C-alpha atoms as a PDB file:
ATOM      1  CA  MET A   1     -10.235  17.780  10.458  1.00  0.00           C
ATOM      2  CA  ALA A   2      -7.649  16.172   8.265  1.00  0.00           C
ATOM      3  CA  SER A   3      -4.745  18.464   7.144  1.00  0.00           C
ATOM      4  CA  ARG A   4      -4.905  19.709   3.540  1.00  0.00           C
ATOM      5  CA  THR A   5      -2.366  19.897   0.974  1.00  0.00           C
ATOM      6  CA  LYS A   6      -2.450  22.270  -2.041  1.00  0.00           C
ATOM      7  CA  ARG A   7      -1.647  20.580  -5.278  1.00  0.00           C
ATOM      8  CA  THR A   8      -1.667  21.534  -8.791  1.00  0.00           C
ATOM      9  CA  TYR A   9      -2.932  19.028 -11.483  1.00  0.00           C
ATOM     10  CA  ASN A  10      -3.272  19.479 -15.182  1.00  0.00           C
ATOM     11  CA  LEU A  11      -6.778  18.592 -15.959  1.00  0.00           C
ATOM     12  CA  SER A  12      -8.808  18.988 -19.158  1.00  0.00           C
ATOM     13  CA  GLU A  13     -11.101  21.896 -19.582  1.00  0.00           C
ATOM     14  CA  GLN A  14     -14.079  19.455 -19.744  1.00  0.00           C
ATOM     15  CA  THR A  15     -12.983  17.947 -16.407  1.00  0.00           C
ATOM     16  CA  VAL A  16     -12.614  21.378 -14.615  1.00  0.00           C
ATOM     17  CA  SER A  17     -16.072  22.232 -16.176  1.00  0.00           C
ATOM     18  CA  ARG A  18     -17.711  19.195 -14.891  1.00  0.00           C
ATOM     19  CA  VAL A  19     -16.270  19.707 -11.326  1.00  0.00           C
ATOM     20  CA  ARG A  20     -17.676  23.122 -11.370  1.00  0.00           C
ATOM     21  CA  GLU A  21     -21.038  22.114 -12.640  1.00  0.00           C
ATOM     22  CA  LEU A  22     -21.127  19.191 -10.057  1.00  0.00           C
ATOM     23  CA  ALA A  23     -20.419  21.478  -7.270  1.00  0.00           C
ATOM     24  CA  GLY A  24     -22.423  24.493  -8.476  1.00  0.00           C
ATOM     25  CA  ARG A  25     -25.416  23.557 -10.458  1.00  0.00           C
ATOM     26  CA  TYR A  26     -25.959  19.973  -9.097  1.00  0.00           C
ATOM     27  CA  GLU A  27     -24.703  20.636  -5.506  1.00  0.00           C
ATOM     28  CA  ALA A  28     -23.066  17.257  -5.455  1.00  0.00           C
ATOM     29  CA  ALA A  29     -20.694  18.532  -2.863  1.00  0.00           C
ATOM     30  CA  PRO A  30     -20.276  21.763  -1.048  1.00  0.00           C
ATOM     31  CA  SER A  31     -17.079  22.676  -2.897  1.00  0.00           C
ATOM     32  CA  GLN A  32     -15.196  21.773  -5.863  1.00  0.00           C
ATOM     33  CA  ASP A  33     -12.279  20.392  -3.732  1.00  0.00           C
ATOM     34  CA  ARG A  34     -14.930  18.035  -2.141  1.00  0.00           C
ATOM     35  CA  VAL A  35     -16.296  17.055  -5.568  1.00  0.00           C
ATOM     36  CA  VAL A  36     -12.634  15.821  -6.467  1.00  0.00           C
ATOM     37  CA  GLU A  37     -12.244  14.192  -3.099  1.00  0.00           C
ATOM     38  CA  LEU A  38     -15.502  12.235  -3.601  1.00  0.00           C
ATOM     39  CA  ALA A  39     -14.493  11.216  -6.986  1.00  0.00           C
ATOM     40  CA  VAL A  40     -11.105  10.086  -6.033  1.00  0.00           C
ATOM     41  CA  GLU A  41     -12.624   8.110  -3.058  1.00  0.00           C
ATOM     42  CA  ARG A  42     -15.142   6.443  -5.157  1.00  0.00           C
ATOM     43  CA  LEU A  43     -12.458   5.351  -7.742  1.00  0.00           C
ATOM     44  CA  TYR A  44     -10.172   4.179  -4.969  1.00  0.00           C
ATOM     45  CA  ARG A  45     -12.915   1.992  -3.456  1.00  0.00           C
ATOM     46  CA  ALA A  46     -13.769   0.691  -6.814  1.00  0.00           C
ATOM     47  CA  VAL A  47     -10.196  -0.413  -7.617  1.00  0.00           C
ATOM     48  CA  ARG A  48      -9.600  -1.794  -4.189  1.00  0.00           C
ATOM     49  CA  ASP A  49     -12.779  -3.754  -4.464  1.00  0.00           C
ATOM     50  CA  GLU A  50     -11.900  -5.067  -7.780  1.00  0.00           C
ATOM     51  CA  GLN A  51      -8.514  -6.262  -6.483  1.00  0.00           C
ATOM     52  CA  GLU A  52     -10.108  -7.851  -3.593  1.00  0.00           C
ATOM     53  CA  ALA A  53     -12.705  -9.660  -5.889  1.00  0.00           C
ATOM     54  CA  GLN A  54      -9.764 -10.915  -8.004  1.00  0.00           C
ATOM     55  CA  ALA A  55      -7.906 -12.188  -4.966  1.00  0.00           C
ATOM     56  CA  TRP A  56     -11.131 -14.117  -3.875  1.00  0.00           C
ATOM     57  CA  ALA A  57     -11.492 -15.491  -7.263  1.00  0.00           C
ATOM     58  CA  ARG A  58      -7.901 -16.808  -7.430  1.00  0.00           C
ATOM     59  CA  ALA A  59      -8.363 -18.299  -3.793  1.00  0.00           C
ATOM     60  CA  ALA A  60     -11.534 -20.109  -4.959  1.00  0.00           C
ATOM     61  CA  GLU A  61      -9.340 -21.888  -7.572  1.00  0.00           C
ATOM     62  CA  ASP A  62      -6.670 -22.754  -5.082  1.00  0.00           C
ATOM     63  CA  PRO A  63      -7.126 -26.387  -3.992  1.00  0.00           C
ATOM     64  CA  GLU A  64      -5.211 -25.760  -0.694  1.00  0.00           C
ATOM     65  CA  PHE A  65      -7.402 -22.868   0.069  1.00  0.00           C
ATOM     66  CA  ARG A  66     -10.576 -24.623  -0.729  1.00  0.00           C
ATOM     67  CA  ALA A  67      -9.399 -27.630   1.521  1.00  0.00           C
ATOM     68  CA  GLU A  68      -8.681 -25.246   4.441  1.00  0.00           C
ATOM     69  CA  VAL A  69     -12.073 -23.612   4.024  1.00  0.00           C
ATOM     70  CA  LYS A  70     -13.866 -26.986   4.042  1.00  0.00           C
ATOM     71  CA  GLN A  71     -11.937 -28.018   7.199  1.00  0.00           C
ATOM     72  CA  ILE A  72     -12.934 -24.859   8.865  1.00  0.00           C
ATOM     73  CA  ALA A  73     -16.414 -25.353   7.976  1.00  0.00           C
ATOM     74  CA  ARG A  74     -16.359 -28.894   9.320  1.00  0.00           C
ATOM     75  CA  ASP A  75     -14.723 -27.693  12.601  1.00  0.00           C
ATOM     76  CA  TYR A  76     -17.452 -25.087  13.197  1.00  0.00           C
ATOM     77  CA  ASP A  77     -20.322 -27.486  12.052  1.00  0.00           C
ATOM     78  CA  ASP A  78     -19.974 -29.339  15.392  1.00  0.00           C
ATOM     79  CA  ARG A  79     -23.497 -28.913  16.494  1.00  0.00           C
ATOM     80  CA  GLU A  80     -22.941 -30.754  19.905  1.00  0.00           C
ATOM     81  CA  SER A  81     -20.580 -28.006  21.102  1.00  0.00           C
ATOM     82  CA  TRP A  82     -22.786 -25.023  19.974  1.00  0.00           C
ATOM     83  CA  PRO A  83     -25.529 -23.853  22.403  1.00  0.00           C
ATOM     84  CA  ALA A  84     -28.992 -24.400  21.010  1.00  0.00           C
END
């Protein structure tokens, strides 16, 4: 199991209430700590995915990158060297 670190954060009463409700009433996670962990992990993935999408969008506009991708596609489109 991963090591745990005790932290103190200043959260709004509404946020604290929602964490308690998600853990208790809705049983979204087995504990309030786990509710927070799940929420942070979901936000982290969303931010990371957005950053990655932006990087791919920039790459799609880069003429050198597009030329390299086309060359790779041509290199791997050699049907004579691939088994049937």
